[in-house]
C-alpha atoms as a PDB file:
ATOM      1  CA  MET A   1      -6.786 -41.615  -8.734  1.00  0.00           C
ATOM      2  CA  LYS A   2      -6.646 -37.881  -8.170  1.00  0.00           C
ATOM      3  CA  ILE A   3      -7.505 -35.470 -10.967  1.00  0.00           C
ATOM      4  CA  ILE A   4      -7.707 -31.714 -11.351  1.00  0.00           C
ATOM      5  CA  GLN A   5     -11.162 -30.275 -11.993  1.00  0.00           C
ATOM      6  CA  LYS A   6     -12.250 -26.666 -12.392  1.00  0.00           C
ATOM      7  CA  ALA A   7     -14.552 -25.183  -9.766  1.00  0.00           C
ATOM      8  CA  VAL A   8     -16.553 -21.959  -9.878  1.00  0.00           C
ATOM      9  CA  VAL A   9     -15.954 -19.526  -7.014  1.00  0.00           C
ATOM     10  CA  LYS A  10     -18.992 -17.397  -6.197  1.00  0.00           C
ATOM     11  CA  GLU A  11     -19.057 -14.580  -3.700  1.00  0.00           C
ATOM     12  CA  ILE A  12     -21.987 -13.271  -1.697  1.00  0.00           C
ATOM     13  CA  MET A  13     -22.241  -9.503  -2.121  1.00  0.00           C
ATOM     14  CA  THR A  14     -21.673  -7.677   1.164  1.00  0.00           C
ATOM     15  CA  ASN A  15     -20.817  -4.049   1.880  1.00  0.00           C
ATOM     16  CA  ALA A  16     -17.149  -5.016   2.233  1.00  0.00           C
ATOM     17  CA  SER A  17     -17.007  -7.079  -0.971  1.00  0.00           C
ATOM     18  CA  LYS A  18     -18.895  -4.387  -2.891  1.00  0.00           C
ATOM     19  CA  ALA A  19     -16.451  -1.706  -1.722  1.00  0.00           C
ATOM     20  CA  LYS A  20     -13.471  -3.923  -2.583  1.00  0.00           C
ATOM     21  CA  LEU A  21     -14.870  -4.669  -6.051  1.00  0.00           C
ATOM     22  CA  GLN A  22     -15.610  -0.993  -6.703  1.00  0.00           C
ATOM     23  CA  GLN A  23     -12.111  -0.012  -5.580  1.00  0.00           C
ATOM     24  CA  SER A  24     -10.573  -2.654  -7.859  1.00  0.00           C
ATOM     25  CA  MET A  25     -12.596  -1.454 -10.862  1.00  0.00           C
ATOM     26  CA  THR A  26     -11.742   2.191 -10.140  1.00  0.00           C
ATOM     27  CA  SER A  27      -8.033   1.308  -9.983  1.00  0.00           C
ATOM     28  CA  LYS A  28      -8.261  -0.477 -13.337  1.00  0.00           C
ATOM     29  CA  ILE A  29      -9.979   2.541 -14.902  1.00  0.00           C
ATOM     30  CA  ASP A  30      -7.343   4.909 -13.477  1.00  0.00           C
ATOM     31  CA  ARG A  31      -4.534   2.711 -14.802  1.00  0.00           C
ATOM     32  CA  ALA A  32      -6.107   2.551 -18.280  1.00  0.00           C
ATOM     33  CA  GLU A  33      -6.552   6.349 -18.316  1.00  0.00           C
ATOM     34  CA  LYS A  34      -2.871   6.804 -17.426  1.00  0.00           C
ATOM     35  CA  GLU A  35      -1.917   4.400 -20.217  1.00  0.00           C
ATOM     36  CA  CYS A  36      -4.014   6.473 -22.643  1.00  0.00           C
ATOM     37  CA  GLU A  37      -2.216   9.639 -21.538  1.00  0.00           C
ATOM     38  CA  GLN A  38       1.132   7.914 -22.016  1.00  0.00           C
ATOM     39  CA  LEU A  39       0.172   6.720 -25.506  1.00  0.00           C
ATOM     40  CA  ARG A  40      -0.957  10.220 -26.499  1.00  0.00           C
ATOM     41  CA  PHE A  41       2.321  11.630 -25.187  1.00  0.00           C
ATOM     42  CA  GLN A  42       4.326   9.059 -27.155  1.00  0.00           C
ATOM     43  CA  GLN A  43       2.316   9.840 -30.268  1.00  0.00           C
ATOM     44  CA  LYS A  44       3.016  13.586 -29.974  1.00  0.00           C
ATOM     45  CA  LYS A  45       6.684  12.907 -29.281  1.00  0.00           C
ATOM     46  CA  LEU A  46       6.960  10.735 -32.395  1.00  0.00           C
ATOM     47  CA  GLU A  47       5.144  13.326 -34.498  1.00  0.00           C
ATOM     48  CA  LYS A  48       7.585  16.043 -33.384  1.00  0.00           C
ATOM     49  CA  GLN A  49      10.592  13.791 -33.786  1.00  0.00           C
ATOM     50  CA  PHE A  50       9.640  12.545 -37.233  1.00  0.00           C
ATOM     51  CA  GLU A  51       7.566  15.107 -39.062  1.00  0.00           C
ATOM     52  CA  ARG A  52       6.443  12.454 -41.471  1.00  0.00           C
ATOM     53  CA  SER A  53       5.883   9.663 -38.985  1.00  0.00           C
ATOM     54  CA  THR A  54       4.628   6.558 -40.640  1.00  0.00           C
ATOM     55  CA  GLU A  55       0.945   5.852 -40.830  1.00  0.00           C
ATOM     56  CA  ASN A  56       1.712   2.366 -39.527  1.00  0.00           C
ATOM     57  CA  VAL A  57       2.982   3.725 -36.204  1.00  0.00           C
ATOM     58  CA  LYS A  58       0.053   6.137 -35.924  1.00  0.00           C
ATOM     59  CA  GLY A  59      -2.350   3.307 -36.672  1.00  0.00           C
ATOM     60  CA  LYS A  60      -0.877   1.074 -33.977  1.00  0.00           C
ATOM     61  CA  ILE A  61      -1.019   3.832 -31.392  1.00  0.00           C
ATOM     62  CA  GLN A  62      -4.632   4.564 -32.350  1.00  0.00           C
ATOM     63  CA  GLN A  63      -5.481   0.852 -32.020  1.00  0.00           C
ATOM     64  CA  GLU A  64      -3.955   0.738 -28.548  1.00  0.00           C
ATOM     65  CA  LEU A  65      -5.824   3.899 -27.565  1.00  0.00           C
ATOM     66  CA  ALA A  66      -9.093   2.451 -28.884  1.00  0.00           C
ATOM     67  CA  LYS A  67      -8.563  -0.755 -26.869  1.00  0.00           C
ATOM     68  CA  ARG A  68      -8.035   1.178 -23.675  1.00  0.00           C
ATOM     69  CA  VAL A  69     -10.954   3.544 -24.286  1.00  0.00           C
ATOM     70  CA  GLN A  70     -13.221   0.534 -24.865  1.00  0.00           C
ATOM     71  CA  PHE A  71     -11.882  -1.079 -21.682  1.00  0.00           C
ATOM     72  CA  ILE A  72     -12.634   2.119 -19.746  1.00  0.00           C
ATOM     73  CA  ARG A  73     -16.199   2.227 -21.114  1.00  0.00           C
ATOM     74  CA  THR A  74     -16.830  -1.439 -20.319  1.00  0.00           C
ATOM     75  CA  THR A  75     -15.345  -1.214 -16.834  1.00  0.00           C
ATOM     76  CA  THR A  76     -17.278   1.985 -16.082  1.00  0.00           C
ATOM     77  CA  ALA A  77     -20.507   0.224 -17.090  1.00  0.00           C
ATOM     78  CA  GLN A  78     -19.590  -2.736 -14.860  1.00  0.00           C
ATOM     79  CA  LEU A  79     -18.876  -0.346 -12.001  1.00  0.00           C
ATOM     80  CA  ALA A  80     -22.328   1.206 -12.401  1.00  0.00           C
ATOM     81  CA  ALA A  81     -23.887  -2.278 -12.463  1.00  0.00           C
ATOM     82  CA  ILE A  82     -22.070  -3.260  -9.263  1.00  0.00           C
ATOM     83  CA  LYS A  83     -23.604  -0.295  -7.457  1.00  0.00           C
ATOM     84  CA  GLU A  84     -27.056  -1.658  -8.315  1.00  0.00           C
ATOM     85  CA  ILE A  85     -26.453  -5.245  -7.128  1.00  0.00           C
ATOM     86  CA  PRO A  86     -28.391  -5.881  -3.915  1.00  0.00           C
ATOM     87  CA  LEU A  87     -26.538  -7.142  -0.852  1.00  0.00           C
ATOM     88  CA  GLY A  88     -26.768 -10.920  -0.423  1.00  0.00           C
ATOM     89  CA  THR A  89     -26.621 -11.596  -4.170  1.00  0.00           C
ATOM     90  CA  GLU A  90     -24.250 -14.338  -5.351  1.00  0.00           C
ATOM     91  CA  TYR A  91     -22.006 -13.433  -8.242  1.00  0.00           C
ATOM     92  CA  THR A  92     -19.281 -15.376 -10.016  1.00  0.00           C
ATOM     93  CA  HIS A  93     -15.968 -14.207  -8.602  1.00  0.00           C
ATOM     94  CA  SER A  94     -13.540 -16.496 -10.415  1.00  0.00           C
ATOM     95  CA  GLU A  95     -12.736 -20.042 -11.423  1.00  0.00           C
ATOM     96  CA  THR A  96     -10.112 -22.228  -9.780  1.00  0.00           C
ATOM     97  CA  GLU A  97      -8.762 -25.741 -10.049  1.00  0.00           C
ATOM     98  CA  THR A  98      -9.471 -28.353  -7.403  1.00  0.00           C
ATOM     99  CA  LEU A  99      -7.996 -31.775  -6.794  1.00  0.00           C
ATOM    100  CA  ILE A 100     -10.635 -34.505  -6.555  1.00  0.00           C
ATOM    101  CA  GLU A 101     -10.447 -38.204  -5.774  1.00  0.00           C
ATOM    102  CA  LEU A 102     -11.822 -40.472  -8.476  1.00  0.00           C
ATOM    103  CA  GLU A 103     -12.373 -44.199  -8.060  1.00  0.00           C
ATOM    104  CA  VAL A 104     -14.001 -46.963 -10.057  1.00  0.00           C
ATOM    105  CA  GLY A 105     -17.742 -46.460  -9.685  1.00  0.00           C
ATOM    106  CA  SER A 106     -17.482 -42.721  -8.963  1.00  0.00           C
ATOM    107  CA  ALA A 107     -20.079 -40.478 -10.572  1.00  0.00           C
ATOM    108  CA  TRP A 108     -18.474 -38.511 -13.405  1.00  0.00           C
ATOM    109  CA  HIS A 109     -19.977 -35.340 -14.816  1.00  0.00           C
ATOM    110  CA  PRO A 110     -17.154 -33.411 -16.514  1.00  0.00           C
ATOM    111  CA  ASP A 111     -19.379 -30.490 -17.515  1.00  0.00           C
ATOM    112  CA  GLN A 112     -20.774 -29.962 -14.017  1.00  0.00           C
ATOM    113  CA  LYS A 113     -18.348 -27.976 -11.916  1.00  0.00           C
ATOM    114  CA  PRO A 114     -18.401 -27.781  -8.133  1.00  0.00           C
ATOM    115  CA  VAL A 115     -19.244 -24.343  -6.726  1.00  0.00           C
ATOM    116  CA  ILE A 116     -17.414 -22.747  -3.810  1.00  0.00           C
ATOM    117  CA  VAL A 117     -19.410 -19.948  -2.151  1.00  0.00           C
ATOM    118  CA  ILE A 118     -17.472 -17.368  -0.138  1.00  0.00           C
ATOM    119  CA  GLU A 119     -18.571 -14.422   1.965  1.00  0.00           C
ATOM    120  CA  ASP A 120     -16.028 -11.799   3.026  1.00  0.00           C
ATOM    121  CA  GLY A 121     -13.174 -14.229   2.311  1.00  0.00           C
ATOM    122  CA  ILE A 122     -14.660 -17.141   4.271  1.00  0.00           C
ATOM    123  CA  VAL A 123     -15.948 -20.325   2.619  1.00  0.00           C
ATOM    124  CA  LYS A 124     -19.660 -20.571   3.431  1.00  0.00           C
ATOM    125  CA  GLU A 125     -20.667 -23.497   1.235  1.00  0.00           C
ATOM    126  CA  ILE A 126     -19.309 -26.060  -1.217  1.00  0.00           C
ATOM    127  CA  ARG A 127     -21.835 -27.354  -3.730  1.00  0.00           C
ATOM    128  CA  GLN A 128     -21.271 -30.540  -5.660  1.00  0.00           C
ATOM    129  CA  ARG A 129     -23.644 -30.461  -8.614  1.00  0.00           C
ATOM    130  CA  TRP A 130     -24.006 -34.188  -9.022  1.00  0.00           C
END
């Protein structure tokens, strides 16, 4: 019988992977900052259009702004942390699903996920934790 099991994908930090990760984080921060600008613009437009704009609309816009500002802070902190990670360090990149063969008598450990280790996009190791 074949079943789907989750596997952890870890990446070994190299100069290339660090640069790619930093670029990805910077892009996310830039996008969130643009979204904040757009929300502020929409808020001003609504205030001019409806002098007595509802508090409900203002509150929702403020909530969305707060979410994005928090995201920017968190991502900026992560970006700073990435700069400090030494080369050769393994970090969790993502999680994926794998198809495994299961037979009567197979060892079964549902809480122990296999680990796939990659370096610069190439699989270096597959660890079965059982």
